[in-house]
Amino acid sequence: DPERAARYAAASPATVERYGGRYL
């Protein structure tokens, strides 16, 4: 479901960054 996946993809980076993560 690309629409749901896009909502998740938009929201998840802020949580990753909050815990010191960075996308490779």
PDBML (XML) file of the C-alpha atoms, coordinates in Angstrom:
<?xml version="1.0" encoding="UTF-8" ?>
<PDBx:datablock datablockName="MODEL"
   xmlns:PDBx="http://pdbml.pdb.org/schema/pdbx-v50.xsd"
   xmlns:xsi="http://www.w3.org/2001/XMLSchema-instance"
   xsi:schemaLocation="http://pdbml.pdb.org/schema/pdbx-v50.xsd pdbx-v50.xsd">
   <PDBx:atom_siteCategory>
      <PDBx:atom_site id="1">
         <PDBx:B_iso_or_equiv>0.00</PDBx:B_iso_or_equiv>
         <PDBx:Cartn_x>0.000</PDBx:Cartn_x>
         <PDBx:Cartn_y>0.000</PDBx:Cartn_y>
         <PDBx:Cartn_z>0.000</PDBx:Cartn_z>
         <PDBx:auth_asym_id>A</PDBx:auth_asym_id>
         <PDBx:auth_atom_id>CA</PDBx:auth_atom_id>
         <PDBx:auth_comp_id>ASP</PDBx:auth_comp_id>
         <PDBx:auth_seq_id>1</PDBx:auth_seq_id>
         <PDBx:group_PDB>ATOM</PDBx:group_PDB>
         <PDBx:label_alt_id xsi:nil="true" />
         <PDBx:label_asym_id>A</PDBx:label_asym_id>
         <PDBx:label_atom_id>CA</PDBx:label_atom_id>
         <PDBx:label_comp_id>ASP</PDBx:label_comp_id>
         <PDBx:label_entity_id>1</PDBx:label_entity_id>
         <PDBx:label_seq_id>1</PDBx:label_seq_id>
         <PDBx:occupancy>1.00</PDBx:occupancy>
         <PDBx:pdbx_PDB_model_num>1</PDBx:pdbx_PDB_model_num>
         <PDBx:type_symbol>C</PDBx:type_symbol>
      </PDBx:atom_site>
      <PDBx:atom_site id="2">
         <PDBx:B_iso_or_equiv>0.00</PDBx:B_iso_or_equiv>
         <PDBx:Cartn_x>2.165</PDBx:Cartn_x>
         <PDBx:Cartn_y>2.885</PDBx:Cartn_y>
         <PDBx:Cartn_z>-1.270</PDBx:Cartn_z>
         <PDBx:auth_asym_id>A</PDBx:auth_asym_id>
         <PDBx:auth_atom_id>CA</PDBx:auth_atom_id>
         <PDBx:auth_comp_id>PRO</PDBx:auth_comp_id>
         <PDBx:auth_seq_id>2</PDBx:auth_seq_id>
         <PDBx:group_PDB>ATOM</PDBx:group_PDB>
         <PDBx:label_alt_id xsi:nil="true" />
         <PDBx:label_asym_id>A</PDBx:label_asym_id>
         <PDBx:label_atom_id>CA</PDBx:label_atom_id>
         <PDBx:label_comp_id>PRO</PDBx:label_comp_id>
         <PDBx:label_entity_id>1</PDBx:label_entity_id>
         <PDBx:label_seq_id>2</PDBx:label_seq_id>
         <PDBx:occupancy>1.00</PDBx:occupancy>
         <PDBx:pdbx_PDB_model_num>1</PDBx:pdbx_PDB_model_num>
         <PDBx:type_symbol>C</PDBx:type_symbol>
      </PDBx:atom_site>
      <PDBx:atom_site id="3">
         <PDBx:B_iso_or_equiv>0.00</PDBx:B_iso_or_equiv>
         <PDBx:Cartn_x>-0.034</PDBx:Cartn_x>
         <PDBx:Cartn_y>5.571</PDBx:Cartn_y>
         <PDBx:Cartn_z>0.297</PDBx:Cartn_z>
         <PDBx:auth_asym_id>A</PDBx:auth_asym_id>
         <PDBx:auth_atom_id>CA</PDBx:auth_atom_id>
         <PDBx:auth_comp_id>GLU</PDBx:auth_comp_id>
         <PDBx:auth_seq_id>3</PDBx:auth_seq_id>
         <PDBx:group_PDB>ATOM</PDBx:group_PDB>
         <PDBx:label_alt_id xsi:nil="true" />
         <PDBx:label_asym_id>A</PDBx:label_asym_id>
         <PDBx:label_atom_id>CA</PDBx:label_atom_id>
         <PDBx:label_comp_id>GLU</PDBx:label_comp_id>
         <PDBx:label_entity_id>1</PDBx:label_entity_id>
         <PDBx:label_seq_id>3</PDBx:label_seq_id>
         <PDBx:occupancy>1.00</PDBx:occupancy>
         <PDBx:pdbx_PDB_model_num>1</PDBx:pdbx_PDB_model_num>
         <PDBx:type_symbol>C</PDBx:type_symbol>
      </PDBx:atom_site>
      <PDBx:atom_site id="4">
         <PDBx:B_iso_or_equiv>0.00</PDBx:B_iso_or_equiv>
         <PDBx:Cartn_x>0.285</PDBx:Cartn_x>
         <PDBx:Cartn_y>4.139</PDBx:Cartn_y>
         <PDBx:Cartn_z>3.810</PDBx:Cartn_z>
         <PDBx:auth_asym_id>A</PDBx:auth_asym_id>
         <PDBx:auth_atom_id>CA</PDBx:auth_atom_id>
         <PDBx:auth_comp_id>ARG</PDBx:auth_comp_id>
         <PDBx:auth_seq_id>4</PDBx:auth_seq_id>
         <PDBx:group_PDB>ATOM</PDBx:group_PDB>
         <PDBx:label_alt_id xsi:nil="true" />
         <PDBx:label_asym_id>A</PDBx:label_asym_id>
         <PDBx:label_atom_id>CA</PDBx:label_atom_id>
         <PDBx:label_comp_id>ARG</PDBx:label_comp_id>
         <PDBx:label_entity_id>1</PDBx:label_entity_id>
         <PDBx:label_seq_id>4</PDBx:label_seq_id>
         <PDBx:occupancy>1.00</PDBx:occupancy>
         <PDBx:pdbx_PDB_model_num>1</PDBx:pdbx_PDB_model_num>
         <PDBx:type_symbol>C</PDBx:type_symbol>
      </PDBx:atom_site>
      <PDBx:atom_site id="5">
         <PDBx:B_iso_or_equiv>0.00</PDBx:B_iso_or_equiv>
         <PDBx:Cartn_x>3.973</PDBx:Cartn_x>
         <PDBx:Cartn_y>3.446</PDBx:Cartn_y>
         <PDBx:Cartn_z>3.298</PDBx:Cartn_z>
         <PDBx:auth_asym_id>A</PDBx:auth_asym_id>
         <PDBx:auth_atom_id>CA</PDBx:auth_atom_id>
         <PDBx:auth_comp_id>ALA</PDBx:auth_comp_id>
         <PDBx:auth_seq_id>5</PDBx:auth_seq_id>
         <PDBx:group_PDB>ATOM</PDBx:group_PDB>
         <PDBx:label_alt_id xsi:nil="true" />
         <PDBx:label_asym_id>A</PDBx:label_asym_id>
         <PDBx:label_atom_id>CA</PDBx:label_atom_id>
         <PDBx:label_comp_id>ALA</PDBx:label_comp_id>
         <PDBx:label_entity_id>1</PDBx:label_entity_id>
         <PDBx:label_seq_id>5</PDBx:label_seq_id>
         <PDBx:occupancy>1.00</PDBx:occupancy>
         <PDBx:pdbx_PDB_model_num>1</PDBx:pdbx_PDB_model_num>
         <PDBx:type_symbol>C</PDBx:type_symbol>
      </PDBx:atom_site>
      <PDBx:atom_site id="6">
         <PDBx:B_iso_or_equiv>0.00</PDBx:B_iso_or_equiv>
         <PDBx:Cartn_x>4.520</PDBx:Cartn_x>
         <PDBx:Cartn_y>7.073</PDBx:Cartn_y>
         <PDBx:Cartn_z>2.237</PDBx:Cartn_z>
         <PDBx:auth_asym_id>A</PDBx:auth_asym_id>
         <PDBx:auth_atom_id>CA</PDBx:auth_atom_id>
         <PDBx:auth_comp_id>ALA</PDBx:auth_comp_id>
         <PDBx:auth_seq_id>6</PDBx:auth_seq_id>
         <PDBx:group_PDB>ATOM</PDBx:group_PDB>
         <PDBx:label_alt_id xsi:nil="true" />
         <PDBx:label_asym_id>A</PDBx:label_asym_id>
         <PDBx:label_atom_id>CA</PDBx:label_atom_id>
         <PDBx:label_comp_id>ALA</PDBx:label_comp_id>
         <PDBx:label_entity_id>1</PDBx:label_entity_id>
         <PDBx:label_seq_id>6</PDBx:label_seq_id>
         <PDBx:occupancy>1.00</PDBx:occupancy>
         <PDBx:pdbx_PDB_model_num>1</PDBx:pdbx_PDB_model_num>
         <PDBx:type_symbol>C</PDBx:type_symbol>
      </PDBx:atom_site>
      <PDBx:atom_site id="7">
         <PDBx:B_iso_or_equiv>0.00</PDBx:B_iso_or_equiv>
         <PDBx:Cartn_x>2.902</PDBx:Cartn_x>
         <PDBx:Cartn_y>8.357</PDBx:Cartn_y>
         <PDBx:Cartn_z>5.449</PDBx:Cartn_z>
         <PDBx:auth_asym_id>A</PDBx:auth_asym_id>
         <PDBx:auth_atom_id>CA</PDBx:auth_atom_id>
         <PDBx:auth_comp_id>ARG</PDBx:auth_comp_id>
         <PDBx:auth_seq_id>7</PDBx:auth_seq_id>
         <PDBx:group_PDB>ATOM</PDBx:group_PDB>
         <PDBx:label_alt_id xsi:nil="true" />
         <PDBx:label_asym_id>A</PDBx:label_asym_id>
         <PDBx:label_atom_id>CA</PDBx:label_atom_id>
         <PDBx:label_comp_id>ARG</PDBx:label_comp_id>
         <PDBx:label_entity_id>1</PDBx:label_entity_id>
         <PDBx:label_seq_id>7</PDBx:label_seq_id>
         <PDBx:occupancy>1.00</PDBx:occupancy>
         <PDBx:pdbx_PDB_model_num>1</PDBx:pdbx_PDB_model_num>
         <PDBx:type_symbol>C</PDBx:type_symbol>
      </PDBx:atom_site>
      <PDBx:atom_site id="8">
         <PDBx:B_iso_or_equiv>0.00</PDBx:B_iso_or_equiv>
         <PDBx:Cartn_x>5.191</PDBx:Cartn_x>
         <PDBx:Cartn_y>6.123</PDBx:Cartn_y>
         <PDBx:Cartn_z>7.475</PDBx:Cartn_z>
         <PDBx:auth_asym_id>A</PDBx:auth_asym_id>
         <PDBx:auth_atom_id>CA</PDBx:auth_atom_id>
         <PDBx:auth_comp_id>TYR</PDBx:auth_comp_id>
         <PDBx:auth_seq_id>8</PDBx:auth_seq_id>
         <PDBx:group_PDB>ATOM</PDBx:group_PDB>
         <PDBx:label_alt_id xsi:nil="true" />
         <PDBx:label_asym_id>A</PDBx:label_asym_id>
         <PDBx:label_atom_id>CA</PDBx:label_atom_id>
         <PDBx:label_comp_id>TYR</PDBx:label_comp_id>
         <PDBx:label_entity_id>1</PDBx:label_entity_id>
         <PDBx:label_seq_id>8</PDBx:label_seq_id>
         <PDBx:occupancy>1.00</PDBx:occupancy>
         <PDBx:pdbx_PDB_model_num>1</PDBx:pdbx_PDB_model_num>
         <PDBx:type_symbol>C</PDBx:type_symbol>
      </PDBx:atom_site>
      <PDBx:atom_site id="9">
         <PDBx:B_iso_or_equiv>0.00</PDBx:B_iso_or_equiv>
         <PDBx:Cartn_x>8.251</PDBx:Cartn_x>
         <PDBx:Cartn_y>7.178</PDBx:Cartn_y>
         <PDBx:Cartn_z>5.446</PDBx:Cartn_z>
         <PDBx:auth_asym_id>A</PDBx:auth_asym_id>
         <PDBx:auth_atom_id>CA</PDBx:auth_atom_id>
         <PDBx:auth_comp_id>ALA</PDBx:auth_comp_id>
         <PDBx:auth_seq_id>9</PDBx:auth_seq_id>
         <PDBx:group_PDB>ATOM</PDBx:group_PDB>
         <PDBx:label_alt_id xsi:nil="true" />
         <PDBx:label_asym_id>A</PDBx:label_asym_id>
         <PDBx:label_atom_id>CA</PDBx:label_atom_id>
         <PDBx:label_comp_id>ALA</PDBx:label_comp_id>
         <PDBx:label_entity_id>1</PDBx:label_entity_id>
         <PDBx:label_seq_id>9</PDBx:label_seq_id>
         <PDBx:occupancy>1.00</PDBx:occupancy>
         <PDBx:pdbx_PDB_model_num>1</PDBx:pdbx_PDB_model_num>
         <PDBx:type_symbol>C</PDBx:type_symbol>
      </PDBx:atom_site>
      <PDBx:atom_site id="10">
         <PDBx:B_iso_or_equiv>0.00</PDBx:B_iso_or_equiv>
         <PDBx:Cartn_x>7.452</PDBx:Cartn_x>
         <PDBx:Cartn_y>10.839</PDBx:Cartn_y>
         <PDBx:Cartn_z>6.060</PDBx:Cartn_z>
         <PDBx:auth_asym_id>A</PDBx:auth_asym_id>
         <PDBx:auth_atom_id>CA</PDBx:auth_atom_id>
         <PDBx:auth_comp_id>ALA</PDBx:auth_comp_id>
         <PDBx:auth_seq_id>10</PDBx:auth_seq_id>
         <PDBx:group_PDB>ATOM</PDBx:group_PDB>
         <PDBx:label_alt_id xsi:nil="true" />
         <PDBx:label_asym_id>A</PDBx:label_asym_id>
         <PDBx:label_atom_id>CA</PDBx:label_atom_id>
         <PDBx:label_comp_id>ALA</PDBx:label_comp_id>
         <PDBx:label_entity_id>1</PDBx:label_entity_id>
         <PDBx:label_seq_id>10</PDBx:label_seq_id>
         <PDBx:occupancy>1.00</PDBx:occupancy>
         <PDBx:pdbx_PDB_model_num>1</PDBx:pdbx_PDB_model_num>
         <PDBx:type_symbol>C</PDBx:type_symbol>
      </PDBx:atom_site>
      <PDBx:atom_site id="11">
         <PDBx:B_iso_or_equiv>0.00</PDBx:B_iso_or_equiv>
         <PDBx:Cartn_x>7.046</PDBx:Cartn_x>
         <PDBx:Cartn_y>10.412</PDBx:Cartn_y>
         <PDBx:Cartn_z>9.829</PDBx:Cartn_z>
         <PDBx:auth_asym_id>A</PDBx:auth_asym_id>
         <PDBx:auth_atom_id>CA</PDBx:auth_atom_id>
         <PDBx:auth_comp_id>ALA</PDBx:auth_comp_id>
         <PDBx:auth_seq_id>11</PDBx:auth_seq_id>
         <PDBx:group_PDB>ATOM</PDBx:group_PDB>
         <PDBx:label_alt_id xsi:nil="true" />
         <PDBx:label_asym_id>A</PDBx:label_asym_id>
         <PDBx:label_atom_id>CA</PDBx:label_atom_id>
         <PDBx:label_comp_id>ALA</PDBx:label_comp_id>
         <PDBx:label_entity_id>1</PDBx:label_entity_id>
         <PDBx:label_seq_id>11</PDBx:label_seq_id>
         <PDBx:occupancy>1.00</PDBx:occupancy>
         <PDBx:pdbx_PDB_model_num>1</PDBx:pdbx_PDB_model_num>
         <PDBx:type_symbol>C</PDBx:type_symbol>
      </PDBx:atom_site>
      <PDBx:atom_site id="12">
         <PDBx:B_iso_or_equiv>0.00</PDBx:B_iso_or_equiv>
         <PDBx:Cartn_x>9.844</PDBx:Cartn_x>
         <PDBx:Cartn_y>8.001</PDBx:Cartn_y>
         <PDBx:Cartn_z>10.730</PDBx:Cartn_z>
         <PDBx:auth_asym_id>A</PDBx:auth_asym_id>
         <PDBx:auth_atom_id>CA</PDBx:auth_atom_id>
         <PDBx:auth_comp_id>SER</PDBx:auth_comp_id>
         <PDBx:auth_seq_id>12</PDBx:auth_seq_id>
         <PDBx:group_PDB>ATOM</PDBx:group_PDB>
         <PDBx:label_alt_id xsi:nil="true" />
         <PDBx:label_asym_id>A</PDBx:label_asym_id>
         <PDBx:label_atom_id>CA</PDBx:label_atom_id>
         <PDBx:label_comp_id>SER</PDBx:label_comp_id>
         <PDBx:label_entity_id>1</PDBx:label_entity_id>
         <PDBx:label_seq_id>12</PDBx:label_seq_id>
         <PDBx:occupancy>1.00</PDBx:occupancy>
         <PDBx:pdbx_PDB_model_num>1</PDBx:pdbx_PDB_model_num>
         <PDBx:type_symbol>C</PDBx:type_symbol>
      </PDBx:atom_site>
      <PDBx:atom_site id="13">
         <PDBx:B_iso_or_equiv>0.00</PDBx:B_iso_or_equiv>
         <PDBx:Cartn_x>12.979</PDBx:Cartn_x>
         <PDBx:Cartn_y>10.149</PDBx:Cartn_y>
         <PDBx:Cartn_z>10.090</PDBx:Cartn_z>
         <PDBx:auth_asym_id>A</PDBx:auth_asym_id>
         <PDBx:auth_atom_id>CA</PDBx:auth_atom_id>
         <PDBx:auth_comp_id>PRO</PDBx:auth_comp_id>
         <PDBx:auth_seq_id>13</PDBx:auth_seq_id>
         <PDBx:group_PDB>ATOM</PDBx:group_PDB>
         <PDBx:label_alt_id xsi:nil="true" />
         <PDBx:label_asym_id>A</PDBx:label_asym_id>
         <PDBx:label_atom_id>CA</PDBx:label_atom_id>
         <PDBx:label_comp_id>PRO</PDBx:label_comp_id>
         <PDBx:label_entity_id>1</PDBx:label_entity_id>
         <PDBx:label_seq_id>13</PDBx:label_seq_id>
         <PDBx:occupancy>1.00</PDBx:occupancy>
         <PDBx:pdbx_PDB_model_num>1</PDBx:pdbx_PDB_model_num>
         <PDBx:type_symbol>C</PDBx:type_symbol>
      </PDBx:atom_site>
      <PDBx:atom_site id="14">
         <PDBx:B_iso_or_equiv>0.00</PDBx:B_iso_or_equiv>
         <PDBx:Cartn_x>12.257</PDBx:Cartn_x>
         <PDBx:Cartn_y>12.477</PDBx:Cartn_y>
         <PDBx:Cartn_z>13.022</PDBx:Cartn_z>
         <PDBx:auth_asym_id>A</PDBx:auth_asym_id>
         <PDBx:auth_atom_id>CA</PDBx:auth_atom_id>
         <PDBx:auth_comp_id>ALA</PDBx:auth_comp_id>
         <PDBx:auth_seq_id>14</PDBx:auth_seq_id>
         <PDBx:group_PDB>ATOM</PDBx:group_PDB>
         <PDBx:label_alt_id xsi:nil="true" />
         <PDBx:label_asym_id>A</PDBx:label_asym_id>
         <PDBx:label_atom_id>CA</PDBx:label_atom_id>
         <PDBx:label_comp_id>ALA</PDBx:label_comp_id>
         <PDBx:label_entity_id>1</PDBx:label_entity_id>
         <PDBx:label_seq_id>14</PDBx:label_seq_id>
         <PDBx:occupancy>1.00</PDBx:occupancy>
         <PDBx:pdbx_PDB_model_num>1</PDBx:pdbx_PDB_model_num>
         <PDBx:type_symbol>C</PDBx:type_symbol>
      </PDBx:atom_site>
      <PDBx:atom_site id="15">
         <PDBx:B_iso_or_equiv>0.00</PDBx:B_iso_or_equiv>
         <PDBx:Cartn_x>12.220</PDBx:Cartn_x>
         <PDBx:Cartn_y>9.529</PDBx:Cartn_y>
         <PDBx:Cartn_z>15.431</PDBx:Cartn_z>
         <PDBx:auth_asym_id>A</PDBx:auth_asym_id>
         <PDBx:auth_atom_id>CA</PDBx:auth_atom_id>
         <PDBx:auth_comp_id>THR</PDBx:auth_comp_id>
         <PDBx:auth_seq_id>15</PDBx:auth_seq_id>
         <PDBx:group_PDB>ATOM</PDBx:group_PDB>
         <PDBx:label_alt_id xsi:nil="true" />
         <PDBx:label_asym_id>A</PDBx:label_asym_id>
         <PDBx:label_atom_id>CA</PDBx:label_atom_id>
         <PDBx:label_comp_id>THR</PDBx:label_comp_id>
         <PDBx:label_entity_id>1</PDBx:label_entity_id>
         <PDBx:label_seq_id>15</PDBx:label_seq_id>
         <PDBx:occupancy>1.00</PDBx:occupancy>
         <PDBx:pdbx_PDB_model_num>1</PDBx:pdbx_PDB_model_num>
         <PDBx:type_symbol>C</PDBx:type_symbol>
      </PDBx:atom_site>
      <PDBx:atom_site id="16">
         <PDBx:B_iso_or_equiv>0.00</PDBx:B_iso_or_equiv>
         <PDBx:Cartn_x>15.422</PDBx:Cartn_x>
         <PDBx:Cartn_y>8.089</PDBx:Cartn_y>
         <PDBx:Cartn_z>13.941</PDBx:Cartn_z>
         <PDBx:auth_asym_id>A</PDBx:auth_asym_id>
         <PDBx:auth_atom_id>CA</PDBx:auth_atom_id>
         <PDBx:auth_comp_id>VAL</PDBx:auth_comp_id>
         <PDBx:auth_seq_id>16</PDBx:auth_seq_id>
         <PDBx:group_PDB>ATOM</PDBx:group_PDB>
         <PDBx:label_alt_id xsi:nil="true" />
         <PDBx:label_asym_id>A</PDBx:label_asym_id>
         <PDBx:label_atom_id>CA</PDBx:label_atom_id>
         <PDBx:label_comp_id>VAL</PDBx:label_comp_id>
         <PDBx:label_entity_id>1</PDBx:label_entity_id>
         <PDBx:label_seq_id>16</PDBx:label_seq_id>
         <PDBx:occupancy>1.00</PDBx:occupancy>
         <PDBx:pdbx_PDB_model_num>1</PDBx:pdbx_PDB_model_num>
         <PDBx:type_symbol>C</PDBx:type_symbol>
      </PDBx:atom_site>
      <PDBx:atom_site id="17">
         <PDBx:B_iso_or_equiv>0.00</PDBx:B_iso_or_equiv>
         <PDBx:Cartn_x>17.230</PDBx:Cartn_x>
         <PDBx:Cartn_y>11.412</PDBx:Cartn_y>
         <PDBx:Cartn_z>14.327</PDBx:Cartn_z>
         <PDBx:auth_asym_id>A</PDBx:auth_asym_id>
         <PDBx:auth_atom_id>CA</PDBx:auth_atom_id>
         <PDBx:auth_comp_id>GLU</PDBx:auth_comp_id>
         <PDBx:auth_seq_id>17</PDBx:auth_seq_id>
         <PDBx:group_PDB>ATOM</PDBx:group_PDB>
         <PDBx:label_alt_id xsi:nil="true" />
         <PDBx:label_asym_id>A</PDBx:label_asym_id>
         <PDBx:label_atom_id>CA</PDBx:label_atom_id>
         <PDBx:label_comp_id>GLU</PDBx:label_comp_id>
         <PDBx:label_entity_id>1</PDBx:label_entity_id>
         <PDBx:label_seq_id>17</PDBx:label_seq_id>
         <PDBx:occupancy>1.00</PDBx:occupancy>
         <PDBx:pdbx_PDB_model_num>1</PDBx:pdbx_PDB_model_num>
         <PDBx:type_symbol>C</PDBx:type_symbol>
      </PDBx:atom_site>
      <PDBx:atom_site id="18">
         <PDBx:B_iso_or_equiv>0.00</PDBx:B_iso_or_equiv>
         <PDBx:Cartn_x>15.997</PDBx:Cartn_x>
         <PDBx:Cartn_y>11.811</PDBx:Cartn_y>
         <PDBx:Cartn_z>17.901</PDBx:Cartn_z>
         <PDBx:auth_asym_id>A</PDBx:auth_asym_id>
         <PDBx:auth_atom_id>CA</PDBx:auth_atom_id>
         <PDBx:auth_comp_id>ARG</PDBx:auth_comp_id>
         <PDBx:auth_seq_id>18</PDBx:auth_seq_id>
         <PDBx:group_PDB>ATOM</PDBx:group_PDB>
         <PDBx:label_alt_id xsi:nil="true" />
         <PDBx:label_asym_id>A</PDBx:label_asym_id>
         <PDBx:label_atom_id>CA</PDBx:label_atom_id>
         <PDBx:label_comp_id>ARG</PDBx:label_comp_id>
         <PDBx:label_entity_id>1</PDBx:label_entity_id>
         <PDBx:label_seq_id>18</PDBx:label_seq_id>
         <PDBx:occupancy>1.00</PDBx:occupancy>
         <PDBx:pdbx_PDB_model_num>1</PDBx:pdbx_PDB_model_num>
         <PDBx:type_symbol>C</PDBx:type_symbol>
      </PDBx:atom_site>
      <PDBx:atom_site id="19">
         <PDBx:B_iso_or_equiv>0.00</PDBx:B_iso_or_equiv>
         <PDBx:Cartn_x>17.918</PDBx:Cartn_x>
         <PDBx:Cartn_y>8.638</PDBx:Cartn_y>
         <PDBx:Cartn_z>18.822</PDBx:Cartn_z>
         <PDBx:auth_asym_id>A</PDBx:auth_asym_id>
         <PDBx:auth_atom_id>CA</PDBx:auth_atom_id>
         <PDBx:auth_comp_id>TYR</PDBx:auth_comp_id>
         <PDBx:auth_seq_id>19</PDBx:auth_seq_id>
         <PDBx:group_PDB>ATOM</PDBx:group_PDB>
         <PDBx:label_alt_id xsi:nil="true" />
         <PDBx:label_asym_id>A</PDBx:label_asym_id>
         <PDBx:label_atom_id>CA</PDBx:label_atom_id>
         <PDBx:label_comp_id>TYR</PDBx:label_comp_id>
         <PDBx:label_entity_id>1</PDBx:label_entity_id>
         <PDBx:label_seq_id>19</PDBx:label_seq_id>
         <PDBx:occupancy>1.00</PDBx:occupancy>
         <PDBx:pdbx_PDB_model_num>1</PDBx:pdbx_PDB_model_num>
         <PDBx:type_symbol>C</PDBx:type_symbol>
      </PDBx:atom_site>
      <PDBx:atom_site id="20">
         <PDBx:B_iso_or_equiv>0.00</PDBx:B_iso_or_equiv>
         <PDBx:Cartn_x>21.094</PDBx:Cartn_x>
         <PDBx:Cartn_y>9.595</PDBx:Cartn_y>
         <PDBx:Cartn_z>16.985</PDBx:Cartn_z>
         <PDBx:auth_asym_id>A</PDBx:auth_asym_id>
         <PDBx:auth_atom_id>CA</PDBx:auth_atom_id>
         <PDBx:auth_comp_id>GLY</PDBx:auth_comp_id>
         <PDBx:auth_seq_id>20</PDBx:auth_seq_id>
         <PDBx:group_PDB>ATOM</PDBx:group_PDB>
         <PDBx:label_alt_id xsi:nil="true" />
         <PDBx:label_asym_id>A</PDBx:label_asym_id>
         <PDBx:label_atom_id>CA</PDBx:label_atom_id>
         <PDBx:label_comp_id>GLY</PDBx:label_comp_id>
         <PDBx:label_entity_id>1</PDBx:label_entity_id>
         <PDBx:label_seq_id>20</PDBx:label_seq_id>
         <PDBx:occupancy>1.00</PDBx:occupancy>
         <PDBx:pdbx_PDB_model_num>1</PDBx:pdbx_PDB_model_num>
         <PDBx:type_symbol>C</PDBx:type_symbol>
      </PDBx:atom_site>
      <PDBx:atom_site id="21">
         <PDBx:B_iso_or_equiv>0.00</PDBx:B_iso_or_equiv>
         <PDBx:Cartn_x>20.392</PDBx:Cartn_x>
         <PDBx:Cartn_y>7.608</PDBx:Cartn_y>
         <PDBx:Cartn_z>13.835</PDBx:Cartn_z>
         <PDBx:auth_asym_id>A</PDBx:auth_asym_id>
         <PDBx:auth_atom_id>CA</PDBx:auth_atom_id>
         <PDBx:auth_comp_id>GLY</PDBx:auth_comp_id>
         <PDBx:auth_seq_id>21</PDBx:auth_seq_id>
         <PDBx:group_PDB>ATOM</PDBx:group_PDB>
         <PDBx:label_alt_id xsi:nil="true" />
         <PDBx:label_asym_id>A</PDBx:label_asym_id>
         <PDBx:label_atom_id>CA</PDBx:label_atom_id>
         <PDBx:label_comp_id>GLY</PDBx:label_comp_id>
         <PDBx:label_entity_id>1</PDBx:label_entity_id>
         <PDBx:label_seq_id>21</PDBx:label_seq_id>
         <PDBx:occupancy>1.00</PDBx:occupancy>
         <PDBx:pdbx_PDB_model_num>1</PDBx:pdbx_PDB_model_num>
         <PDBx:type_symbol>C</PDBx:type_symbol>
      </PDBx:atom_site>
      <PDBx:atom_site id="22">
         <PDBx:B_iso_or_equiv>0.00</PDBx:B_iso_or_equiv>
         <PDBx:Cartn_x>21.194</PDBx:Cartn_x>
         <PDBx:Cartn_y>8.587</PDBx:Cartn_y>
         <PDBx:Cartn_z>10.282</PDBx:Cartn_z>
         <PDBx:auth_asym_id>A</PDBx:auth_asym_id>
         <PDBx:auth_atom_id>CA</PDBx:auth_atom_id>
         <PDBx:auth_comp_id>ARG</PDBx:auth_comp_id>
         <PDBx:auth_seq_id>22</PDBx:auth_seq_id>
         <PDBx:group_PDB>ATOM</PDBx:group_PDB>
         <PDBx:label_alt_id xsi:nil="true" />
         <PDBx:label_asym_id>A</PDBx:label_asym_id>
         <PDBx:label_atom_id>CA</PDBx:label_atom_id>
         <PDBx:label_comp_id>ARG</PDBx:label_comp_id>
         <PDBx:label_entity_id>1</PDBx:label_entity_id>
         <PDBx:label_seq_id>22</PDBx:label_seq_id>
         <PDBx:occupancy>1.00</PDBx:occupancy>
         <PDBx:pdbx_PDB_model_num>1</PDBx:pdbx_PDB_model_num>
         <PDBx:type_symbol>C</PDBx:type_symbol>
      </PDBx:atom_site>
      <PDBx:atom_site id="23">
         <PDBx:B_iso_or_equiv>0.00</PDBx:B_iso_or_equiv>
         <PDBx:Cartn_x>20.080</PDBx:Cartn_x>
         <PDBx:Cartn_y>7.027</PDBx:Cartn_y>
         <PDBx:Cartn_z>7.036</PDBx:Cartn_z>
         <PDBx:auth_asym_id>A</PDBx:auth_asym_id>
         <PDBx:auth_atom_id>CA</PDBx:auth_atom_id>
         <PDBx:auth_comp_id>TYR</PDBx:auth_comp_id>
         <PDBx:auth_seq_id>23</PDBx:auth_seq_id>
         <PDBx:group_PDB>ATOM</PDBx:group_PDB>
         <PDBx:label_alt_id xsi:nil="true" />
         <PDBx:label_asym_id>A</PDBx:label_asym_id>
         <PDBx:label_atom_id>CA</PDBx:label_atom_id>
         <PDBx:label_comp_id>TYR</PDBx:label_comp_id>
         <PDBx:label_entity_id>1</PDBx:label_entity_id>
         <PDBx:label_seq_id>23</PDBx:label_seq_id>
         <PDBx:occupancy>1.00</PDBx:occupancy>
         <PDBx:pdbx_PDB_model_num>1</PDBx:pdbx_PDB_model_num>
         <PDBx:type_symbol>C</PDBx:type_symbol>
      </PDBx:atom_site>
      <PDBx:atom_site id="24">
         <PDBx:B_iso_or_equiv>0.00</PDBx:B_iso_or_equiv>
         <PDBx:Cartn_x>22.826</PDBx:Cartn_x>
         <PDBx:Cartn_y>5.448</PDBx:Cartn_y>
         <PDBx:Cartn_z>4.942</PDBx:Cartn_z>
         <PDBx:auth_asym_id>A</PDBx:auth_asym_id>
         <PDBx:auth_atom_id>CA</PDBx:auth_atom_id>
         <PDBx:auth_comp_id>LEU</PDBx:auth_comp_id>
         <PDBx:auth_seq_id>24</PDBx:auth_seq_id>
         <PDBx:group_PDB>ATOM</PDBx:group_PDB>
         <PDBx:label_alt_id xsi:nil="true" />
         <PDBx:label_asym_id>A</PDBx:label_asym_id>
         <PDBx:label_atom_id>CA</PDBx:label_atom_id>
         <PDBx:label_comp_id>LEU</PDBx:label_comp_id>
         <PDBx:label_entity_id>1</PDBx:label_entity_id>
         <PDBx:label_seq_id>24</PDBx:label_seq_id>
         <PDBx:occupancy>1.00</PDBx:occupancy>
         <PDBx:pdbx_PDB_model_num>1</PDBx:pdbx_PDB_model_num>
         <PDBx:type_symbol>C</PDBx:type_symbol>
      </PDBx:atom_site>
   </PDBx:atom_siteCategory>
</PDBx:datablock>
